[in-house]
Amino acid sequence: MDKRENVINTCLILLVMDFFIVIYAIVYNLINNSDLINKIQKSLL
């Protein structure tokens, strides 16, 4: 039982870490692309 619980816990931790990495990547890309967004807004105005 203990080994199985440990495996489940490690899988959950890895899933949570992957989730945070994906969110971080999206936020990072949005911050990097903010210049692009500003240019688009200026060209539209």
Protein backbone atom coordinates (compact mmCIF):
# COMPACT_ATOMS: atom_id res chain seq x y z
CA MET A 1 0.00 0.00 0.00
CA ASP A 2 2.76 2.44 0.91
CA LYS A 3 4.59 1.94 -2.39
CA ARG A 4 1.39 2.42 -4.37
CA GLU A 5 0.57 5.61 -2.43
CA ASN A 6 4.08 6.91 -3.09
CA VAL A 7 3.71 6.27 -6.82
CA ILE A 8 0.34 8.06 -6.88
CA ASN A 9 1.79 11.00 -4.92
CA THR A 10 4.77 11.33 -7.28
CA CYS A 11 2.47 11.20 -10.32
CA LEU A 12 0.27 13.93 -8.83
CA ILE A 13 3.32 16.09 -8.04
CA LEU A 14 4.61 15.68 -11.61
CA LEU A 15 1.19 16.56 -13.05
CA VAL A 16 0.96 19.69 -10.88
CA MET A 17 4.50 20.69 -11.89
CA ASP A 18 3.67 20.22 -15.59
CA PHE A 19 0.51 22.30 -15.09
CA PHE A 20 2.49 25.15 -13.52
CA ILE A 21 5.15 24.96 -16.25
CA VAL A 22 2.45 25.29 -18.93
CA ILE A 23 0.86 28.28 -17.14
CA TYR A 24 4.30 29.89 -16.73
CA ALA A 25 5.07 29.39 -20.42
CA ILE A 26 1.75 30.96 -21.45
CA VAL A 27 2.23 33.96 -19.14
CA TYR A 28 5.86 34.36 -20.29
CA ASN A 29 4.76 34.33 -23.95
CA LEU A 30 2.00 36.87 -23.25
CA ILE A 31 4.52 39.19 -21.54
CA ASN A 32 7.01 38.78 -24.42
CA ASN A 33 4.27 39.36 -27.01
CA SER A 34 2.96 42.49 -25.25
CA ASP A 35 5.10 44.60 -27.61
CA LEU A 36 3.45 42.86 -30.55
CA ILE A 37 0.01 43.47 -28.99
CA ASN A 38 0.86 47.17 -28.53
CA LYS A 39 1.94 47.45 -32.18
CA ILE A 40 -1.30 45.82 -33.32
CA GLN A 41 -3.36 48.18 -31.15
CA LYS A 42 -1.46 51.21 -32.49
CA SER A 43 -1.93 50.09 -36.09
CA LEU A 44 -5.66 49.60 -35.45
CA LEU A 45 -6.07 53.08 -33.94
